[in-house]
PDB file of all heavy atoms in Angstrom:
ATOM      1  N   ALA A   1       5.178   1.892 -11.292  1.00  0.00           N
ATOM      2  CA  ALA A   1       5.496   1.152 -12.481  1.00  0.00           C
ATOM      3  C   ALA A   1       4.307   1.114 -13.447  1.00  0.00           C
ATOM      4  O   ALA A   1       3.193   1.049 -13.016  1.00  0.00           O
ATOM      5  CB  ALA A   1       5.801  -0.379 -12.032  1.00  0.00           C
ATOM      6  N   ALA A   2       4.666   1.300 -14.739  1.00  0.00           N
ATOM      7  CA  ALA A   2       3.575   1.397 -15.720  1.00  0.00           C
ATOM      8  C   ALA A   2       3.151   0.021 -16.108  1.00  0.00           C
ATOM      9  O   ALA A   2       3.397  -0.438 -17.252  1.00  0.00           O
ATOM     10  CB  ALA A   2       4.068   2.181 -16.890  1.00  0.00           C
ATOM     11  N   GLN A   3       2.517  -0.719 -15.191  1.00  0.00           N
ATOM     12  CA  GLN A   3       2.048  -2.115 -15.462  1.00  0.00           C
ATOM     13  C   GLN A   3       0.574  -2.127 -15.158  1.00  0.00           C
ATOM     14  O   GLN A   3       0.052  -1.413 -14.312  1.00  0.00           O
ATOM     15  CB  GLN A   3       2.789  -3.091 -14.572  1.00  0.00           C
ATOM     16  CG  GLN A   3       4.354  -3.145 -14.850  1.00  0.00           C
ATOM     17  CD  GLN A   3       4.995  -4.047 -13.950  1.00  0.00           C
ATOM     18  OE1 GLN A   3       4.424  -4.644 -13.037  1.00  0.00           O
ATOM     19  NE2 GLN A   3       6.289  -4.358 -14.176  1.00  0.00           N
ATOM     20  N   VAL A   4      -0.124  -2.982 -15.909  1.00  0.00           N
ATOM     21  CA  VAL A   4      -1.553  -3.128 -15.700  1.00  0.00           C
ATOM     22  C   VAL A   4      -1.769  -3.932 -14.415  1.00  0.00           C
ATOM     23  O   VAL A   4      -1.254  -5.097 -14.377  1.00  0.00           O
ATOM     24  CB  VAL A   4      -2.258  -3.790 -16.863  1.00  0.00           C
ATOM     25  CG1 VAL A   4      -3.689  -3.968 -16.617  1.00  0.00           C
ATOM     26  CG2 VAL A   4      -1.951  -3.017 -18.131  1.00  0.00           C
ATOM     27  N   PRO A   5      -2.354  -3.470 -13.403  1.00  0.00           N
ATOM     28  CA  PRO A   5      -2.596  -4.163 -12.160  1.00  0.00           C
ATOM     29  C   PRO A   5      -3.653  -5.252 -12.384  1.00  0.00           C
ATOM     30  O   PRO A   5      -4.530  -5.163 -13.233  1.00  0.00           O
ATOM     31  CB  PRO A   5      -3.043  -3.194 -11.079  1.00  0.00           C
ATOM     32  CG  PRO A   5      -3.667  -2.134 -12.007  1.00  0.00           C
ATOM     33  CD  PRO A   5      -2.879  -2.106 -13.292  1.00  0.00           C
ATOM     34  N   PRO A   6      -3.678  -6.329 -11.563  1.00  0.00           N
ATOM     35  CA  PRO A   6      -4.701  -7.398 -11.665  1.00  0.00           C
ATOM     36  C   PRO A   6      -6.063  -6.725 -11.499  1.00  0.00           C
ATOM     37  O   PRO A   6      -6.248  -5.833 -10.745  1.00  0.00           O
ATOM     38  CB  PRO A   6      -4.376  -8.334 -10.546  1.00  0.00           C
ATOM     39  CG  PRO A   6      -2.915  -8.062 -10.205  1.00  0.00           C
ATOM     40  CD  PRO A   6      -2.696  -6.649 -10.542  1.00  0.00           C
ATOM     41  N   ALA A   7      -7.044  -7.287 -12.252  1.00  0.00           N
ATOM     42  CA  ALA A   7      -8.420  -6.742 -12.208  1.00  0.00           C
ATOM     43  C   ALA A   7      -9.013  -6.850 -10.783  1.00  0.00           C
ATOM     44  O   ALA A   7      -9.825  -6.102 -10.390  1.00  0.00           O
ATOM     45  CB  ALA A   7      -9.296  -7.469 -13.201  1.00  0.00           C
ATOM     46  N   THR A   8      -8.655  -7.935 -10.115  1.00  0.00           N
ATOM     47  CA  THR A   8      -9.207  -8.121  -8.754  1.00  0.00           C
ATOM     48  C   THR A   8      -8.582  -7.273  -7.670  1.00  0.00           C
ATOM     49  O   THR A   8      -9.210  -7.066  -6.660  1.00  0.00           O
ATOM     50  CB  THR A   8      -9.173  -9.564  -8.365  1.00  0.00           C
ATOM     51  OG1 THR A   8      -7.798  -9.982  -8.386  1.00  0.00           O
ATOM     52  CG2 THR A   8      -9.937 -10.491  -9.338  1.00  0.00           C
ATOM     53  N   ALA A   9      -7.375  -6.849  -7.918  1.00  0.00           N
ATOM     54  CA  ALA A   9      -6.680  -6.032  -6.906  1.00  0.00           C
ATOM     55  C   ALA A   9      -5.837  -5.014  -7.540  1.00  0.00           C
ATOM     56  O   ALA A   9      -4.669  -5.160  -7.690  1.00  0.00           O
ATOM     57  CB  ALA A   9      -5.795  -6.946  -5.983  1.00  0.00           C
ATOM     58  N   PRO A  10      -6.405  -3.935  -7.994  1.00  0.00           N
ATOM     59  CA  PRO A  10      -5.711  -2.895  -8.672  1.00  0.00           C
ATOM     60  C   PRO A  10      -4.601  -2.309  -7.827  1.00  0.00           C
ATOM     61  O   PRO A  10      -4.735  -2.125  -6.579  1.00  0.00           O
ATOM     62  CB  PRO A  10      -6.755  -1.763  -8.933  1.00  0.00           C
ATOM     63  CG  PRO A  10      -8.085  -2.482  -8.758  1.00  0.00           C
ATOM     64  CD  PRO A  10      -7.861  -3.545  -7.849  1.00  0.00           C
ATOM     65  N   THR A  11      -3.437  -2.055  -8.434  1.00  0.00           N
ATOM     66  CA  THR A  11      -2.283  -1.558  -7.642  1.00  0.00           C
ATOM     67  C   THR A  11      -2.457  -0.019  -7.489  1.00  0.00           C
ATOM     68  O   THR A  11      -2.554   0.697  -8.476  1.00  0.00           O
ATOM     69  CB  THR A  11      -0.952  -1.813  -8.436  1.00  0.00           C
ATOM     70  OG1 THR A  11      -0.896  -3.208  -8.714  1.00  0.00           O
ATOM     71  CG2 THR A  11       0.213  -1.321  -7.615  1.00  0.00           C
ATOM     72  N   PRO A  12      -2.407   0.414  -6.207  1.00  0.00           N
ATOM     73  CA  PRO A  12      -2.570   1.916  -6.055  1.00  0.00           C
ATOM     74  C   PRO A  12      -1.254   2.589  -6.352  1.00  0.00           C
ATOM     75  O   PRO A  12      -0.246   1.955  -6.311  1.00  0.00           O
ATOM     76  CB  PRO A  12      -2.886   1.955  -4.468  1.00  0.00           C
ATOM     77  CG  PRO A  12      -2.232   0.785  -3.914  1.00  0.00           C
ATOM     78  CD  PRO A  12      -2.378  -0.333  -4.963  1.00  0.00           C
ATOM     79  N   PRO A  13      -1.335   3.853  -6.696  1.00  0.00           N
ATOM     80  CA  PRO A  13      -0.115   4.655  -7.037  1.00  0.00           C
ATOM     81  C   PRO A  13       0.685   4.743  -5.723  1.00  0.00           C
ATOM     82  O   PRO A  13       0.146   4.673  -4.626  1.00  0.00           O
ATOM     83  CB  PRO A  13      -0.639   5.957  -7.513  1.00  0.00           C
ATOM     84  CG  PRO A  13      -2.041   6.035  -7.027  1.00  0.00           C
ATOM     85  CD  PRO A  13      -2.586   4.638  -6.957  1.00  0.00           C
ATOM     86  N   PRO A  14       2.013   4.966  -5.889  1.00  0.00           N
ATOM     87  CA  PRO A  14       2.858   5.032  -4.690  1.00  0.00           C
ATOM     88  C   PRO A  14       2.518   6.039  -3.659  1.00  0.00           C
ATOM     89  O   PRO A  14       2.771   5.960  -2.516  1.00  0.00           O
ATOM     90  CB  PRO A  14       4.261   5.301  -5.282  1.00  0.00           C
ATOM     91  CG  PRO A  14       4.190   4.968  -6.715  1.00  0.00           C
ATOM     92  CD  PRO A  14       2.725   5.128  -7.087  1.00  0.00           C
ATOM     93  N   SER A  15       1.862   7.122  -4.177  1.00  0.00           N
ATOM     94  CA  SER A  15       1.608   8.288  -3.253  1.00  0.00           C
ATOM     95  C   SER A  15       0.350   7.966  -2.378  1.00  0.00           C
ATOM     96  O   SER A  15       0.101   8.646  -1.413  1.00  0.00           O
ATOM     97  CB  SER A  15       1.298   9.556  -4.087  1.00  0.00           C
ATOM     98  OG  SER A  15       0.200   9.358  -4.928  1.00  0.00           O
ATOM     99  N   ALA A  16      -0.415   6.935  -2.724  1.00  0.00           N
ATOM    100  CA  ALA A  16      -1.561   6.631  -1.972  1.00  0.00           C
ATOM    101  C   ALA A  16      -1.237   6.075  -0.640  1.00  0.00           C
ATOM    102  O   ALA A  16      -0.354   5.266  -0.478  1.00  0.00           O
ATOM    103  CB  ALA A  16      -2.544   5.655  -2.749  1.00  0.00           C
ATOM    104  N   PRO A  17      -1.949   6.442   0.418  1.00  0.00           N
ATOM    105  CA  PRO A  17      -1.667   5.925   1.771  1.00  0.00           C
ATOM    106  C   PRO A  17      -2.012   4.423   1.823  1.00  0.00           C
ATOM    107  O   PRO A  17      -2.885   3.929   1.125  1.00  0.00           O
ATOM    108  CB  PRO A  17      -2.566   6.705   2.724  1.00  0.00           C
ATOM    109  CG  PRO A  17      -3.380   7.652   1.836  1.00  0.00           C
ATOM    110  CD  PRO A  17      -2.995   7.402   0.434  1.00  0.00           C
ATOM    111  N   ALA A  18      -1.289   3.700   2.649  1.00  0.00           N
ATOM    112  CA  ALA A  18      -1.517   2.259   2.824  1.00  0.00           C
ATOM    113  C   ALA A  18      -2.810   2.062   3.533  1.00  0.00           C
ATOM    114  O   ALA A  18      -3.241   2.898   4.314  1.00  0.00           O
ATOM    115  CB  ALA A  18      -0.349   1.658   3.574  1.00  0.00           C
ATOM    116  N   PRO A  19      -3.513   0.932   3.255  1.00  0.00           N
ATOM    117  CA  PRO A  19      -4.770   0.654   3.986  1.00  0.00           C
ATOM    118  C   PRO A  19      -4.551   0.660   5.483  1.00  0.00           C
ATOM    119  O   PRO A  19      -3.505   0.266   5.970  1.00  0.00           O
ATOM    120  CB  PRO A  19      -5.172  -0.733   3.489  1.00  0.00           C
ATOM    121  CG  PRO A  19      -4.430  -0.903   2.158  1.00  0.00           C
ATOM    122  CD  PRO A  19      -3.175  -0.140   2.324  1.00  0.00           C
ATOM    123  N   ALA A  20      -5.629   1.041   6.224  1.00  0.00           N
ATOM    124  CA  ALA A  20      -5.524   1.156   7.657  1.00  0.00           C
ATOM    125  C   ALA A  20      -5.275  -0.189   8.321  1.00  0.00           C
ATOM    126  O   ALA A  20      -4.507  -0.300   9.279  1.00  0.00           O
ATOM    127  CB  ALA A  20      -6.876   1.754   8.214  1.00  0.00           C
ATOM    128  N   ALA A  21      -5.865  -1.254   7.726  1.00  0.00           N
ATOM    129  CA  ALA A  21      -5.667  -2.581   8.365  1.00  0.00           C
ATOM    130  C   ALA A  21      -4.198  -2.991   8.296  1.00  0.00           C
ATOM    131  O   ALA A  21      -3.724  -3.564   9.246  1.00  0.00           O
ATOM    132  CB  ALA A  21      -6.483  -3.545   7.620  1.00  0.00           C
ATOM    133  N   ALA A  22      -3.559  -2.694   7.158  1.00  0.00           N
ATOM    134  CA  ALA A  22      -2.131  -3.096   7.065  1.00  0.00           C
ATOM    135  C   ALA A  22      -1.266  -2.310   8.094  1.00  0.00           C
ATOM    136  O   ALA A  22      -0.354  -2.818   8.625  1.00  0.00           O
ATOM    137  CB  ALA A  22      -1.663  -2.759   5.650  1.00  0.00           C
ATOM    138  N   LYS A  23      -1.608  -1.023   8.306  1.00  0.00           N
ATOM    139  CA  LYS A  23      -0.853  -0.209   9.265  1.00  0.00           C
ATOM    140  C   LYS A  23      -1.039  -0.746  10.640  1.00  0.00           C
ATOM    141  O   LYS A  23      -0.081  -0.781  11.419  1.00  0.00           O
ATOM    142  CB  LYS A  23      -1.361   1.290   9.188  1.00  0.00           C
ATOM    143  CG  LYS A  23      -0.967   1.875   7.836  1.00  0.00           C
ATOM    144  CD  LYS A  23      -1.521   3.355   7.876  1.00  0.00           C
ATOM    145  CE  LYS A  23      -1.247   3.941   6.493  1.00  0.00           C
ATOM    146  NZ  LYS A  23      -1.780   5.323   6.460  1.00  0.00           N
ATOM    147  N   GLN A  24      -2.278  -1.191  10.991  1.00  0.00           N
ATOM    148  CA  GLN A  24      -2.515  -1.674  12.367  1.00  0.00           C
ATOM    149  C   GLN A  24      -1.905  -3.011  12.567  1.00  0.00           C
ATOM    150  O   GLN A  24      -1.499  -3.374  13.698  1.00  0.00           O
ATOM    151  CB  GLN A  24      -4.031  -1.720  12.633  1.00  0.00           C
ATOM    152  CG  GLN A  24      -4.643  -0.325  12.616  1.00  0.00           C
ATOM    153  CD  GLN A  24      -6.184  -0.402  12.767  1.00  0.00           C
ATOM    154  OE1 GLN A  24      -6.734  -1.442  12.664  1.00  0.00           O
ATOM    155  NE2 GLN A  24      -6.800   0.723  12.974  1.00  0.00           N
ATOM    156  N   ALA A  25      -1.883  -3.857  11.551  1.00  0.00           N
ATOM    157  CA  ALA A  25      -1.392  -5.200  11.609  1.00  0.00           C
ATOM    158  C   ALA A  25       0.103  -5.221  11.827  1.00  0.00           C
ATOM    159  O   ALA A  25       0.648  -6.047  12.590  1.00  0.00           O
ATOM    160  CB  ALA A  25      -1.768  -6.026  10.451  1.00  0.00           C
ATOM    161  N   ALA A  26       0.860  -4.302  11.218  1.00  0.00           N
ATOM    162  CA  ALA A  26       2.286  -4.356  11.288  1.00  0.00           C
ATOM    163  C   ALA A  26       2.800  -2.942  11.377  1.00  0.00           C
ATOM    164  O   ALA A  26       3.283  -2.366  10.433  1.00  0.00           O
ATOM    165  CB  ALA A  26       2.895  -5.029  10.125  1.00  0.00           C
ATOM    166  N   ALA A  27       2.619  -2.296  12.565  1.00  0.00           N
ATOM    167  CA  ALA A  27       3.038  -0.940  12.728  1.00  0.00           C
ATOM    168  C   ALA A  27       4.536  -0.843  12.687  1.00  0.00           C
ATOM    169  O   ALA A  27       5.168  -1.483  13.577  1.00  0.00           O
ATOM    170  CB  ALA A  27       2.420  -0.319  14.012  1.00  0.00           C
ATOM    171  N   PRO A  28       5.145  -0.209  11.805  1.00  0.00           N
ATOM    172  CA  PRO A  28       6.650  -0.140  11.737  1.00  0.00           C
ATOM    173  C   PRO A  28       7.161   0.776  12.824  1.00  0.00           C
ATOM    174  O   PRO A  28       6.507   1.570  13.345  1.00  0.00           O
ATOM    175  CB  PRO A  28       6.896   0.433  10.346  1.00  0.00           C
ATOM    176  CG  PRO A  28       5.665   1.263  10.078  1.00  0.00           C
ATOM    177  CD  PRO A  28       4.538   0.588  10.712  1.00  0.00           C
ATOM    178  N   PRO A  29       8.444   0.572  13.180  1.00  0.00           N
ATOM    179  CA  PRO A  29       9.024   1.498  14.129  1.00  0.00           C
ATOM    180  C   PRO A  29       9.126   2.933  13.521  1.00  0.00           C
ATOM    181  O   PRO A  29       9.096   3.027  12.314  1.00  0.00           O
ATOM    182  CB  PRO A  29      10.461   0.953  14.334  1.00  0.00           C
ATOM    183  CG  PRO A  29      10.702   0.138  13.136  1.00  0.00           C
ATOM    184  CD  PRO A  29       9.421  -0.437  12.719  1.00  0.00           C
ATOM    185  N   LYS A  30       9.214   3.899  14.400  1.00  0.00           N
ATOM    186  CA  LYS A  30       9.223   5.290  13.911  1.00  0.00           C
ATOM    187  C   LYS A  30      10.451   5.467  13.031  1.00  0.00           C
ATOM    188  O   LYS A  30      11.563   5.239  13.450  1.00  0.00           O
ATOM    189  CB  LYS A  30       9.301   6.192  15.147  1.00  0.00           C
ATOM    190  CG  LYS A  30       9.241   7.734  14.780  1.00  0.00           C
ATOM    191  CD  LYS A  30       9.215   8.504  15.991  1.00  0.00           C
ATOM    192  CE  LYS A  30       9.187   9.995  15.682  1.00  0.00           C
ATOM    193  NZ  LYS A  30       9.148  10.818  16.792  1.00  0.00           N
ATOM    194  N   PRO A  31      10.221   5.909  11.752  1.00  0.00           N
ATOM    195  CA  PRO A  31      11.329   6.125  10.838  1.00  0.00           C
ATOM    196  C   PRO A  31      12.229   7.265  11.198  1.00  0.00           C
ATOM    197  O   PRO A  31      11.827   8.177  11.973  1.00  0.00           O
ATOM    198  CB  PRO A  31      10.638   6.365   9.475  1.00  0.00           C
ATOM    199  CG  PRO A  31       9.320   6.942   9.894  1.00  0.00           C
ATOM    200  CD  PRO A  31       8.914   6.295  11.200  1.00  0.00           C
ATOM    201  N   ALA A  32      13.423   7.238  10.626  1.00  0.00           N
ATOM    202  CA  ALA A  32      14.298   8.370  10.839  1.00  0.00           C
ATOM    203  C   ALA A  32      13.705   9.578  10.265  1.00  0.00           C
ATOM    204  O   ALA A  32      12.940   9.550   9.261  1.00  0.00           O
ATOM    205  CB  ALA A  32      15.675   8.101  10.193  1.00  0.00           C
TER     206      ALA A  32
END
């Protein structure tokens, strides 16, 4: 989305990988 992200927490582009902490905290089931 072409929106200005908050200065304190810039929104990463969709192609960027999610932070490692988020992945470890809620590991999703293996996708199709």
